PDB file of N, CA and C in Angstrom:
ATOM      1  N   MET A   1      61.390  71.993  70.500  1.00  0.00           N
ATOM      2  CA  MET A   1      62.627  71.951  71.247  1.00  0.00           C
ATOM      3  C   MET A   1      62.674  73.186  72.157  1.00  0.00           C
ATOM      4  N   THR A   2      63.094  72.996  73.384  1.00  0.00           N
ATOM      5  CA  THR A   2      63.151  74.095  74.338  1.00  0.00           C
ATOM      6  C   THR A   2      64.352  74.992  74.059  1.00  0.00           C
ATOM      7  N   ALA A   3      64.317  76.199  74.611  1.00  0.00           N
ATOM      8  CA  ALA A   3      65.426  77.137  74.439  1.00  0.00           C
ATOM      9  C   ALA A   3      66.704  76.572  75.046  1.00  0.00           C
ATOM     10  N   GLY A   4      66.587  75.936  76.197  1.00  0.00           N
ATOM     11  CA  GLY A   4      67.761  75.341  76.830  1.00  0.00           C
ATOM     12  C   GLY A   4      68.390  74.253  75.984  1.00  0.00           C
ATOM     13  N   ARG A   5      67.561  73.437  75.390  1.00  0.00           N
ATOM     14  CA  ARG A   5      68.085  72.361  74.536  1.00  0.00           C
ATOM     15  C   ARG A   5      68.730  72.939  73.276  1.00  0.00           C
ATOM     16  N   ARG A   6      68.112  73.979  72.700  1.00  0.00           N
ATOM     17  CA  ARG A   6      68.719  74.641  71.528  1.00  0.00           C
ATOM     18  C   ARG A   6      70.087  75.200  71.880  1.00  0.00           C
ATOM     19  N   TYR A   7      70.168  75.820  73.043  1.00  0.00           N
ATOM     20  CA  TYR A   7      71.438  76.397  73.478  1.00  0.00           C
ATOM     21  C   TYR A   7      72.487  75.303  73.653  1.00  0.00           C
ATOM     22  N   LEU A   8      72.130  74.229  74.307  1.00  0.00           N
ATOM     23  CA  LEU A   8      73.063  73.124  74.528  1.00  0.00           C
ATOM     24  C   LEU A   8      73.553  72.515  73.215  1.00  0.00           C
ATOM     25  N   VAL A   9      72.641  72.311  72.279  1.00  0.00           N
ATOM     26  CA  VAL A   9      73.018  71.758  70.968  1.00  0.00           C
ATOM     27  C   VAL A   9      73.941  72.728  70.227  1.00  0.00           C
ATOM     28  N   GLY A  10      73.613  74.020  70.274  1.00  0.00           N
ATOM     29  CA  GLY A  10      74.432  75.020  69.586  1.00  0.00           C
ATOM     30  C   GLY A  10      75.831  75.120  70.143  1.00  0.00           C
ATOM     31  N   VAL A  11      75.952  75.181  71.454  1.00  0.00           N
ATOM     32  CA  VAL A  11      77.269  75.286  72.082  1.00  0.00           C
ATOM     33  C   VAL A  11      78.074  74.007  71.855  1.00  0.00           C
ATOM     34  N   SER A  12      77.419  72.871  71.883  1.00  0.00           N
ATOM     35  CA  SER A  12      78.114  71.607  71.593  1.00  0.00           C
ATOM     36  C   SER A  12      78.636  71.585  70.163  1.00  0.00           C
ATOM     37  N   ALA A  13      77.860  72.107  69.233  1.00  0.00           N
ATOM     38  CA  ALA A  13      78.299  72.164  67.838  1.00  0.00           C
ATOM     39  C   ALA A  13      79.501  73.102  67.682  1.00  0.00           C
ATOM     40  N   VAL A  14      79.488  74.213  68.378  1.00  0.00           N
ATOM     41  CA  VAL A  14      80.624  75.143  68.335  1.00  0.00           C
ATOM     42  C   VAL A  14      81.872  74.466  68.882  1.00  0.00           C
ATOM     43  N   ALA A  15      81.746  73.776  70.006  1.00  0.00           N
ATOM     44  CA  ALA A  15      82.891  73.083  70.602  1.00  0.00           C
ATOM     45  C   ALA A  15      83.432  72.009  69.663  1.00  0.00           C
ATOM     46  N   ALA A  16      82.541  71.245  69.073  1.00  0.00           N
ATOM     47  CA  ALA A  16      82.976  70.184  68.150  1.00  0.00           C
ATOM     48  C   ALA A  16      83.680  70.783  66.935  1.00  0.00           C
ATOM     49  N   ALA A  17      83.148  71.862  66.405  1.00  0.00           N
ATOM     50  CA  ALA A  17      83.771  72.508  65.244  1.00  0.00           C
ATOM     51  C   ALA A  17      85.162  73.041  65.591  1.00  0.00           C
ATOM     52  N   ALA A  18      85.306  73.643  66.766  1.00  0.00           N
ATOM     53  CA  ALA A  18      86.612  74.163  67.176  1.00  0.00           C
ATOM     54  C   ALA A  18      87.623  73.033  67.334  1.00  0.00           C
ATOM     55  N   LEU A  19      87.189  71.947  67.936  1.00  0.00           N
ATOM     56  CA  LEU A  19      88.112  70.823  68.122  1.00  0.00           C
ATOM     57  C   LEU A  19      88.491  70.174  66.799  1.00  0.00           C
ATOM     58  N   LEU A  20      87.530  70.030  65.903  1.00  0.00           N
ATOM     59  CA  LEU A  20      87.845  69.468  64.585  1.00  0.00           C
ATOM     60  C   LEU A  20      88.780  70.386  63.806  1.00  0.00           C
ATOM     61  N   LEU A  21      88.538  71.683  63.877  1.00  0.00           N
ATOM     62  CA  LEU A  21      89.397  72.639  63.178  1.00  0.00           C
ATOM     63  C   LEU A  21      90.817  72.606  63.722  1.00  0.00           C
ATOM     64  N   SER A  22      90.966  72.323  64.998  1.00  0.00           N
ATOM     65  CA  SER A  22      92.306  72.322  65.595  1.00  0.00           C
ATOM     66  C   SER A  22      93.212  71.269  64.971  1.00  0.00           C
ATOM     67  N   PHE A  23      92.642  70.220  64.424  1.00  0.00           N
ATOM     68  CA  PHE A  23      93.469  69.151  63.865  1.00  0.00           C
ATOM     69  C   PHE A  23      94.088  69.500  62.515  1.00  0.00           C
ATOM     70  N   VAL A  24      93.663  70.596  61.902  1.00  0.00           N
ATOM     71  CA  VAL A  24      94.296  71.025  60.662  1.00  0.00           C
ATOM     72  C   VAL A  24      95.372  72.069  60.925  1.00  0.00           C
ATOM     73  N   LEU A  25      95.546  72.439  62.178  1.00  0.00           N
ATOM     74  CA  LEU A  25      96.556  73.430  62.556  1.00  0.00           C
ATOM     75  C   LEU A  25      97.872  72.738  62.880  1.00  0.00           C
ATOM     76  N   PRO A  26      98.953  73.491  62.858  1.00  0.00           N
ATOM     77  CA  PRO A  26     100.244  72.910  63.270  1.00  0.00           C
ATOM     78  C   PRO A  26     100.185  72.453  64.730  1.00  0.00           C
ATOM     79  N   PRO A  27     100.940  71.445  65.073  1.00  0.00           N
ATOM     80  CA  PRO A  27     100.894  70.906  66.441  1.00  0.00           C
ATOM     81  C   PRO A  27     101.164  71.936  67.536  1.00  0.00           C
ATOM     82  N   ASP A  28     102.043  72.905  67.284  1.00  0.00           N
ATOM     83  CA  ASP A  28     102.345  73.884  68.328  1.00  0.00           C
ATOM     84  C   ASP A  28     101.186  74.851  68.579  1.00  0.00           C
ATOM     85  N   ALA A  29     100.249  74.972  67.650  1.00  0.00           N
ATOM     86  CA  ALA A  29      99.093  75.853  67.829  1.00  0.00           C
ATOM     87  C   ALA A  29      97.910  75.127  68.481  1.00  0.00           C
ATOM     88  N   ARG A  30      97.909  73.808  68.406  1.00  0.00           N
ATOM     89  CA  ARG A  30      96.759  73.040  68.915  1.00  0.00           C
ATOM     90  C   ARG A  30      96.526  73.238  70.407  1.00  0.00           C
ATOM     91  N   THR A  31      97.570  73.272  71.174  1.00  0.00           N
ATOM     92  CA  THR A  31      97.407  73.421  72.620  1.00  0.00           C
ATOM     93  C   THR A  31      96.683  74.716  72.949  1.00  0.00           C
ATOM     94  N   GLY A  32      97.058  75.790  72.282  1.00  0.00           N
ATOM     95  CA  GLY A  32      96.396  77.064  72.509  1.00  0.00           C
ATOM     96  C   GLY A  32      94.933  77.044  72.108  1.00  0.00           C
ATOM     97  N   VAL A  33      94.643  76.375  71.008  1.00  0.00           N
ATOM     98  CA  VAL A  33      93.259  76.278  70.545  1.00  0.00           C
ATOM     99  C   VAL A  33      92.434  75.432  71.508  1.00  0.00           C
ATOM    100  N   TRP A  34      93.005  74.341  71.977  1.00  0.00           N
ATOM    101  CA  TRP A  34      92.278  73.488  72.933  1.00  0.00           C
ATOM    102  C   TRP A  34      92.030  74.229  74.242  1.00  0.00           C
ATOM    103  N   LEU A  35      93.036  74.936  74.726  1.00  0.00           N
ATOM    104  CA  LEU A  35      92.875  75.699  75.964  1.00  0.00           C
ATOM    105  C   LEU A  35      91.838  76.802  75.766  1.00  0.00           C
ATOM    106  N   ALA A  36      91.905  77.495  74.639  1.00  0.00           N
ATOM    107  CA  ALA A  36      90.943  78.561  74.365  1.00  0.00           C
ATOM    108  C   ALA A  36      89.521  78.021  74.303  1.00  0.00           C
ATOM    109  N   THR A  37      89.348  76.880  73.674  1.00  0.00           N
ATOM    110  CA  THR A  37      88.017  76.273  73.586  1.00  0.00           C
ATOM    111  C   THR A  37      87.511  75.899  74.977  1.00  0.00           C
ATOM    112  N   ALA A  38      88.363  75.297  75.778  1.00  0.00           N
ATOM    113  CA  ALA A  38      87.949  74.911  77.137  1.00  0.00           C
ATOM    114  C   ALA A  38      87.607  76.132  77.982  1.00  0.00           C
ATOM    115  N   LEU A  39      88.448  77.155  77.947  1.00  0.00           N
ATOM    116  CA  LEU A  39      88.182  78.360  78.735  1.00  0.00           C
ATOM    117  C   LEU A  39      86.916  79.060  78.265  1.00  0.00           C
ATOM    118  N   ALA A  40      86.747  79.146  76.953  1.00  0.00           N
ATOM    119  CA  ALA A  40      85.550  79.800  76.417  1.00  0.00           C
ATOM    120  C   ALA A  40      84.292  79.073  76.860  1.00  0.00           C
ATOM    121  N   LEU A  41      84.321  77.759  76.822  1.00  0.00           N
ATOM    122  CA  LEU A  41      83.136  76.996  77.224  1.00  0.00           C
ATOM    123  C   LEU A  41      82.903  77.051  78.731  1.00  0.00           C
ATOM    124  N   LEU A  42      83.972  77.121  79.506  1.00  0.00           N
ATOM    125  CA  LEU A  42      83.816  77.241  80.961  1.00  0.00           C
ATOM    126  C   LEU A  42      83.160  78.566  81.347  1.00  0.00           C
ATOM    127  N   VAL A  43      83.476  79.620  80.609  1.00  0.00           N
ATOM    128  CA  VAL A  43      82.880  80.921  80.897  1.00  0.00           C
ATOM    129  C   VAL A  43      81.536  81.061  80.187  1.00  0.00           C
ATOM    130  N   GLN A  44      81.509  80.704  78.926  1.00  0.00           N
ATOM    131  CA  GLN A  44      80.308  80.904  78.120  1.00  0.00           C
ATOM    132  C   GLN A  44      79.161  79.994  78.523  1.00  0.00           C
ATOM    133  N   GLY A  45      79.442  78.779  78.867  1.00  0.00           N
ATOM    134  CA  GLY A  45      78.378  77.837  79.203  1.00  0.00           C
ATOM    135  C   GLY A  45      77.439  78.354  80.273  1.00  0.00           C
ATOM    136  N   PRO A  46      77.947  78.661  81.456  1.00  0.00           N
ATOM    137  CA  PRO A  46      77.053  79.174  82.498  1.00  0.00           C
ATOM    138  C   PRO A  46      76.433  80.531  82.166  1.00  0.00           C
ATOM    139  N   LEU A  47      77.224  81.414  81.530  1.00  0.00           N
ATOM    140  CA  LEU A  47      76.678  82.735  81.194  1.00  0.00           C
ATOM    141  C   LEU A  47      75.539  82.622  80.181  1.00  0.00           C
ATOM    142  N   GLY A  48      75.727  81.801  79.189  1.00  0.00           N
ATOM    143  CA  GLY A  48      74.680  81.609  78.188  1.00  0.00           C
ATOM    144  C   GLY A  48      73.446  80.950  78.772  1.00  0.00           C
ATOM    145  N   TRP A  49      73.679  79.987  79.649  1.00  0.00           N
ATOM    146  CA  TRP A  49      72.549  79.312  80.296  1.00  0.00           C
ATOM    147  C   TRP A  49      71.770  80.297  81.156  1.00  0.00           C
ATOM    148  N   TRP A  50      72.491  81.166  81.861  1.00  0.00           N
ATOM    149  CA  TRP A  50      71.864  82.208  82.672  1.00  0.00           C
ATOM    150  C   TRP A  50      71.033  83.129  81.780  1.00  0.00           C
ATOM    151  N   LEU A  51      71.587  83.484  80.620  1.00  0.00           N
ATOM    152  CA  LEU A  51      70.857  84.348  79.684  1.00  0.00           C
ATOM    153  C   LEU A  51      69.593  83.661  79.181  1.00  0.00           C
ATOM    154  N   VAL A  52      69.694  82.391  78.837  1.00  0.00           N
ATOM    155  CA  VAL A  52      68.523  81.654  78.350  1.00  0.00           C
ATOM    156  C   VAL A  52      67.440  81.616  79.422  1.00  0.00           C
ATOM    157  N   ARG A  53      67.838  81.482  80.672  1.00  0.00           N
ATOM    158  CA  ARG A  53      66.853  81.439  81.759  1.00  0.00           C
ATOM    159  C   ARG A  53      66.174  82.783  82.007  1.00  0.00           C
ATOM    160  N   THR A  54      66.771  83.881  81.527  1.00  0.00           N
ATOM    161  CA  THR A  54      66.172  85.201  81.746  1.00  0.00           C
ATOM    162  C   THR A  54      65.338  85.668  80.554  1.00  0.00           C
ATOM    163  N   ILE A  55      65.132  84.810  79.575  1.00  0.00           N
ATOM    164  CA  ILE A  55      64.312  85.193  78.423  1.00  0.00           C
ATOM    165  C   ILE A  55      62.914  85.571  78.913  1.00  0.00           C
ATOM    166  N   GLY A  56      62.471  86.731  78.478  1.00  0.00           N
ATOM    167  CA  GLY A  56      61.145  87.190  78.852  1.00  0.00           C
ATOM    168  C   GLY A  56      61.087  87.953  80.165  1.00  0.00           C
ATOM    169  N   THR A  57      62.230  88.207  80.798  1.00  0.00           N
ATOM    170  CA  THR A  57      62.245  88.960  82.044  1.00  0.00           C
ATOM    171  C   THR A  57      62.905  90.314  81.818  1.00  0.00           C
ATOM    172  N   GLU A  58      62.762  91.185  82.803  1.00  0.00           N
ATOM    173  CA  GLU A  58      63.371  92.510  82.699  1.00  0.00           C
ATOM    174  C   GLU A  58      64.881  92.476  82.936  1.00  0.00           C
ATOM    175  N   ARG A  59      65.421  91.366  83.411  1.00  0.00           N
ATOM    176  CA  ARG A  59      66.860  91.246  83.671  1.00  0.00           C
ATOM    177  C   ARG A  59      67.662  90.850  82.441  1.00  0.00           C
ATOM    178  N   LEU A  60      67.039  90.592  81.327  1.00  0.00           N
ATOM    179  CA  LEU A  60      67.720  90.066  80.143  1.00  0.00           C
ATOM    180  C   LEU A  60      68.890  90.954  79.727  1.00  0.00           C
ATOM    181  N   GLN A  61      68.691  92.252  79.600  1.00  0.00           N
ATOM    182  CA  GLN A  61      69.771  93.129  79.146  1.00  0.00           C
ATOM    183  C   GLN A  61      70.910  93.202  80.155  1.00  0.00           C
ATOM    184  N   LEU A  62      70.593  93.193  81.432  1.00  0.00           N
ATOM    185  CA  LEU A  62      71.634  93.207  82.453  1.00  0.00           C
ATOM    186  C   LEU A  62      72.483  91.938  82.381  1.00  0.00           C
ATOM    187  N   VAL A  63      71.839  90.806  82.245  1.00  0.00           N
ATOM    188  CA  VAL A  63      72.561  89.530  82.141  1.00  0.00           C
ATOM    189  C   VAL A  63      73.418  89.511  80.880  1.00  0.00           C
ATOM    190  N   TRP A  64      72.893  90.029  79.783  1.00  0.00           N
ATOM    191  CA  TRP A  64      73.651  90.088  78.537  1.00  0.00           C
ATOM    192  C   TRP A  64      74.888  90.966  78.712  1.00  0.00           C
ATOM    193  N   ALA A  65      74.738  92.125  79.371  1.00  0.00           N
ATOM    194  CA  ALA A  65      75.869  93.035  79.582  1.00  0.00           C
ATOM    195  C   ALA A  65      76.926  92.401  80.484  1.00  0.00           C
ATOM    196  N   VAL A  66      76.506  91.703  81.514  1.00  0.00           N
ATOM    197  CA  VAL A  66      77.457  91.003  82.388  1.00  0.00           C
ATOM    198  C   VAL A  66      78.217  89.947  81.582  1.00  0.00           C
ATOM    199  N   GLY A  67      77.524  89.257  80.703  1.00  0.00           N
ATOM    200  CA  GLY A  67      78.171  88.250  79.866  1.00  0.00           C
ATOM    201  C   GLY A  67      79.207  88.848  78.931  1.00  0.00           C
ATOM    202  N   ILE A  68      78.895  89.976  78.326  1.00  0.00           N
ATOM    203  CA  ILE A  68      79.858  90.647  77.443  1.00  0.00           C
ATOM    204  C   ILE A  68      81.091  91.080  78.239  1.00  0.00           C
ATOM    205  N   ALA A  69      80.874  91.641  79.424  1.00  0.00           N
ATOM    206  CA  ALA A  69      82.003  92.064  80.268  1.00  0.00           C
ATOM    207  C   ALA A  69      82.862  90.863  80.680  1.00  0.00           C
ATOM    208  N   ALA A  70      82.239  89.746  80.990  1.00  0.00           N
ATOM    209  CA  ALA A  70      82.989  88.547  81.373  1.00  0.00           C
ATOM    210  C   ALA A  70      83.809  88.019  80.197  1.00  0.00           C
ATOM    211  N   ARG A  71      83.238  88.054  79.010  1.00  0.00           N
ATOM    212  CA  ARG A  71      83.982  87.600  77.822  1.00  0.00           C
ATOM    213  C   ARG A  71      85.186  88.496  77.563  1.00  0.00           C
ATOM    214  N   PHE A  72      84.973  89.801  77.673  1.00  0.00           N
ATOM    215  CA  PHE A  72      86.074  90.742  77.486  1.00  0.00           C
ATOM    216  C   PHE A  72      87.176  90.497  78.517  1.00  0.00           C
ATOM    217  N   ALA A  73      86.797  90.288  79.765  1.00  0.00           N
ATOM    218  CA  ALA A  73      87.771  90.021  80.822  1.00  0.00           C
ATOM    219  C   ALA A  73      88.542  88.728  80.548  1.00  0.00           C
ATOM    220  N   LEU A  74      87.858  87.716  80.034  1.00  0.00           N
ATOM    221  CA  LEU A  74      88.529  86.456  79.706  1.00  0.00           C
ATOM    222  C   LEU A  74      89.565  86.651  78.609  1.00  0.00           C
ATOM    223  N   VAL A  75      89.204  87.387  77.558  1.00  0.00           N
ATOM    224  CA  VAL A  75      90.152  87.632  76.466  1.00  0.00           C
ATOM    225  C   VAL A  75      91.359  88.414  76.987  1.00  0.00           C
ATOM    226  N   ALA A  76      91.109  89.442  77.805  1.00  0.00           N
ATOM    227  CA  ALA A  76      92.213  90.227  78.361  1.00  0.00           C
ATOM    228  C   ALA A  76      93.107  89.366  79.254  1.00  0.00           C
ATOM    229  N   ALA A  77      92.506  88.560  80.099  1.00  0.00           N
ATOM    230  CA  ALA A  77      93.289  87.702  80.995  1.00  0.00           C
ATOM    231  C   ALA A  77      94.134  86.709  80.209  1.00  0.00           C
ATOM    232  N   CYS A  78      93.564  86.143  79.164  1.00  0.00           N
ATOM    233  CA  CYS A  78      94.333  85.189  78.353  1.00  0.00           C
ATOM    234  C   CYS A  78      95.482  85.881  77.633  1.00  0.00           C
ATOM    235  N   GLY A  79      95.232  87.082  77.129  1.00  0.00           N
ATOM    236  CA  GLY A  79      96.272  87.800  76.405  1.00  0.00           C
ATOM    237  C   GLY A  79      97.400  88.290  77.287  1.00  0.00           C
ATOM    238  N   PHE A  80      97.049  88.765  78.469  1.00  0.00           N
ATOM    239  CA  PHE A  80      98.061  89.357  79.342  1.00  0.00           C
ATOM    240  C   PHE A  80      98.695  88.372  80.320  1.00  0.00           C
ATOM    241  N   PHE A  81      97.974  87.336  80.707  1.00  0.00           N
ATOM    242  CA  PHE A  81      98.481  86.464  81.769  1.00  0.00           C
ATOM    243  C   PHE A  81      98.620  84.996  81.360  1.00  0.00           C
ATOM    244  N   VAL A  82      97.558  84.412  80.827  1.00  0.00           N
ATOM    245  CA  VAL A  82      97.542  82.967  80.585  1.00  0.00           C
ATOM    246  C   VAL A  82      98.562  82.555  79.527  1.00  0.00           C
ATOM    247  N   ALA A  83      98.489  83.157  78.339  1.00  0.00           N
ATOM    248  CA  ALA A  83      99.401  82.770  77.264  1.00  0.00           C
ATOM    249  C   ALA A  83     100.863  83.004  77.635  1.00  0.00           C
ATOM    250  N   PRO A  84     101.225  84.182  78.154  1.00  0.00           N
ATOM    251  CA  PRO A  84     102.638  84.360  78.512  1.00  0.00           C
ATOM    252  C   PRO A  84     103.106  83.408  79.622  1.00  0.00           C
ATOM    253  N   ARG A  85     102.263  83.177  80.609  1.00  0.00           N
ATOM    254  CA  ARG A  85     102.654  82.312  81.736  1.00  0.00           C
ATOM    255  C   ARG A  85     102.863  80.874  81.271  1.00  0.00           C
ATOM    256  N   LEU A  86     102.011  80.406  80.346  1.00  0.00           N
ATOM    257  CA  LEU A  86     102.123  79.026  79.871  1.00  0.00           C
ATOM    258  C   LEU A  86     103.053  78.888  78.667  1.00  0.00           C
ATOM    259  N   GLY A  87     103.547  79.995  78.162  1.00  0.00           N
ATOM    260  CA  GLY A  87     104.446  79.962  77.014  1.00  0.00           C
ATOM    261  C   GLY A  87     103.762  79.565  75.721  1.00  0.00           C
ATOM    262  N   LEU A  88     102.506  79.897  75.592  1.00  0.00           N
ATOM    263  CA  LEU A  88     101.745  79.555  74.383  1.00  0.00           C
ATOM    264  C   LEU A  88     101.829  80.689  73.365  1.00  0.00           C
ATOM    265  N   ALA A  89     101.725  80.320  72.104  1.00  0.00           N
ATOM    266  CA  ALA A  89     101.665  81.334  71.052  1.00  0.00           C
ATOM    267  C   ALA A  89     100.384  82.147  71.235  1.00  0.00           C
ATOM    268  N   LEU A  90     100.507  83.454  71.195  1.00  0.00           N
ATOM    269  CA  LEU A  90      99.386  84.342  71.491  1.00  0.00           C
ATOM    270  C   LEU A  90      98.312  84.305  70.404  1.00  0.00           C
ATOM    271  N   ALA A  91      98.718  84.329  69.152  1.00  0.00           N
ATOM    272  CA  ALA A  91      97.749  84.418  68.055  1.00  0.00           C
ATOM    273  C   ALA A  91      96.770  83.242  68.007  1.00  0.00           C
ATOM    274  N   PRO A  92      97.236  81.992  68.010  1.00  0.00           N
ATOM    275  CA  PRO A  92      96.259  80.892  67.952  1.00  0.00           C
ATOM    276  C   PRO A  92      95.314  80.878  69.153  1.00  0.00           C
ATOM    277  N   LEU A  93      95.844  81.180  70.333  1.00  0.00           N
ATOM    278  CA  LEU A  93      95.020  81.186  71.535  1.00  0.00           C
ATOM    279  C   LEU A  93      93.936  82.251  71.451  1.00  0.00           C
ATOM    280  N   LEU A  94      94.332  83.474  71.119  1.00  0.00           N
ATOM    281  CA  LEU A  94      93.354  84.566  71.097  1.00  0.00           C
ATOM    282  C   LEU A  94      92.380  84.454  69.934  1.00  0.00           C
ATOM    283  N   PHE A  95      92.864  84.067  68.760  1.00  0.00           N
ATOM    284  CA  PHE A  95      91.943  83.899  67.625  1.00  0.00           C
ATOM    285  C   PHE A  95      90.908  82.822  67.924  1.00  0.00           C
ATOM    286  N   ALA A  96      91.358  81.711  68.477  1.00  0.00           N
ATOM    287  CA  ALA A  96      90.421  80.637  68.812  1.00  0.00           C
ATOM    288  C   ALA A  96      89.466  81.071  69.916  1.00  0.00           C
ATOM    289  N   LEU A  97      89.967  81.763  70.919  1.00  0.00           N
ATOM    290  CA  LEU A  97      89.129  82.214  72.024  1.00  0.00           C
ATOM    291  C   LEU A  97      88.042  83.161  71.537  1.00  0.00           C
ATOM    292  N   VAL A  98      88.434  84.156  70.783  1.00  0.00           N
ATOM    293  CA  VAL A  98      87.448  85.111  70.269  1.00  0.00           C
ATOM    294  C   VAL A  98      86.492  84.421  69.304  1.00  0.00           C
ATOM    295  N   GLY A  99      87.003  83.531  68.480  1.00  0.00           N
ATOM    296  CA  GLY A  99      86.141  82.815  67.540  1.00  0.00           C
ATOM    297  C   GLY A  99      85.089  81.965  68.233  1.00  0.00           C
ATOM    298  N   VAL A 100      85.505  81.210  69.234  1.00  0.00           N
ATOM    299  CA  VAL A 100      84.557  80.362  69.967  1.00  0.00           C
ATOM    300  C   VAL A 100      83.545  81.220  70.726  1.00  0.00           C
ATOM    301  N   LEU A 101      84.022  82.275  71.362  1.00  0.00           N
ATOM    302  CA  LEU A 101      83.106  83.152  72.097  1.00  0.00           C
ATOM    303  C   LEU A 101      82.084  83.810  71.163  1.00  0.00           C
ATOM    304  N   MET A 102      82.532  84.269  70.018  1.00  0.00           N
ATOM    305  CA  MET A 102      81.603  84.923  69.091  1.00  0.00           C
ATOM    306  C   MET A 102      80.619  83.925  68.487  1.00  0.00           C
ATOM    307  N   CYS A 103      81.068  82.728  68.221  1.00  0.00           N
ATOM    308  CA  CYS A 103      80.131  81.699  67.743  1.00  0.00           C
ATOM    309  C   CYS A 103      79.082  81.389  68.812  1.00  0.00           C
ATOM    310  N   CYS A 104      79.509  81.376  70.060  1.00  0.00           N
ATOM    311  CA  CYS A 104      78.549  81.146  71.145  1.00  0.00           C
ATOM    312  C   CYS A 104      77.575  82.309  71.286  1.00  0.00           C
ATOM    313  N   VAL A 105      78.031  83.521  71.015  1.00  0.00           N
ATOM    314  CA  VAL A 105      77.127  84.675  71.031  1.00  0.00           C
ATOM    315  C   VAL A 105      76.090  84.537  69.914  1.00  0.00           C
ATOM    316  N   VAL A 106      76.514  84.030  68.773  1.00  0.00           N
ATOM    317  CA  VAL A 106      75.560  83.783  67.684  1.00  0.00           C
ATOM    318  C   VAL A 106      74.540  82.729  68.111  1.00  0.00           C
ATOM    319  N   VAL A 107      74.998  81.690  68.786  1.00  0.00           N
ATOM    320  CA  VAL A 107      74.072  80.672  69.301  1.00  0.00           C
ATOM    321  C   VAL A 107      73.067  81.320  70.248  1.00  0.00           C
ATOM    322  N   GLU A 108      73.548  82.180  71.145  1.00  0.00           N
ATOM    323  CA  GLU A 108      72.642  82.887  72.046  1.00  0.00           C
ATOM    324  C   GLU A 108      71.607  83.687  71.266  1.00  0.00           C
ATOM    325  N   ALA A 109      72.055  84.407  70.243  1.00  0.00           N
ATOM    326  CA  ALA A 109      71.143  85.232  69.456  1.00  0.00           C
ATOM    327  C   ALA A 109      70.078  84.383  68.769  1.00  0.00           C
ATOM    328  N   VAL A 110      70.478  83.252  68.230  1.00  0.00           N
ATOM    329  CA  VAL A 110      69.514  82.366  67.568  1.00  0.00           C
ATOM    330  C   VAL A 110      68.515  81.821  68.587  1.00  0.00           C
ATOM    331  N   VAL A 111      69.012  81.417  69.740  1.00  0.00           N
ATOM    332  CA  VAL A 111      68.121  80.895  70.778  1.00  0.00           C
ATOM    333  C   VAL A 111      67.160  81.980  71.247  1.00  0.00           C
ATOM    334  N   LEU A 112      67.674  83.175  71.482  1.00  0.00           N
ATOM    335  CA  LEU A 112      66.803  84.275  71.902  1.00  0.00           C
ATOM    336  C   LEU A 112      65.766  84.603  70.838  1.00  0.00           C
ATOM    337  N   ARG A 113      66.196  84.623  69.606  1.00  0.00           N
ATOM    338  CA  ARG A 113      65.280  84.943  68.498  1.00  0.00           C
ATOM    339  C   ARG A 113      64.166  83.909  68.397  1.00  0.00           C
ATOM    340  N   THR A 114      64.528  82.644  68.428  1.00  0.00           N
ATOM    341  CA  THR A 114      63.499  81.612  68.297  1.00  0.00           C
ATOM    342  C   THR A 114      62.606  81.564  69.528  1.00  0.00           C
ATOM    343  N   ALA A 115      63.173  81.850  70.699  1.00  0.00           N
ATOM    344  CA  ALA A 115      62.357  81.829  71.922  1.00  0.00           C
ATOM    345  C   ALA A 115      61.353  82.980  71.943  1.00  0.00           C
ATOM    346  N   THR A 116      61.762  84.133  71.443  1.00  0.00           N
ATOM    347  CA  THR A 116      60.840  85.269  71.441  1.00  0.00           C
ATOM    348  C   THR A 116      59.805  85.154  70.338  1.00  0.00           C
ATOM    349  N   GLU A 117      60.122  84.430  69.264  1.00  0.00           N
ATOM    350  CA  GLU A 117      59.131  84.201  68.204  1.00  0.00           C
ATOM    351  C   GLU A 117      58.015  83.265  68.680  1.00  0.00           C
ATOM    352  N   VAL A 118      58.389  82.320  69.536  1.00  0.00           N
ATOM    353  CA  VAL A 118      57.431  81.342  70.033  1.00  0.00           C
ATOM    354  C   VAL A 118      56.458  81.991  71.003  1.00  0.00           C
ATOM    355  N   ARG A 119      56.939  82.938  71.795  1.00  0.00           N
ATOM    356  CA  ARG A 119      56.089  83.572  72.806  1.00  0.00           C
ATOM    357  C   ARG A 119      55.088  84.422  72.185  1.00  0.00           C
TER     358      ARG A 119
END
């Protein structure tokens, strides 16, 4: 299996798990969890794919650092602007956002680890 396919399968599994978990939450928290999952995947998807494409190059650490900064900016934007503007509960949105982003970082780490073992 290629690194790109591993990444796609991993991120899809994270998204599915987040959506399934949202159904055990109270209805007023679900909207925040769904929005957090969508935003996390919109940011994480391209960033992770970019990282996977730089495996084995000298740009890997730079791409990783840009990805971390983008994730931090997303969490800050959601906490300061998105949740208050939309009237969403802050805790479910931020917990879900950070959870999905960190799970995606784990997917990246697994993909990077397996890709470097193969080389």
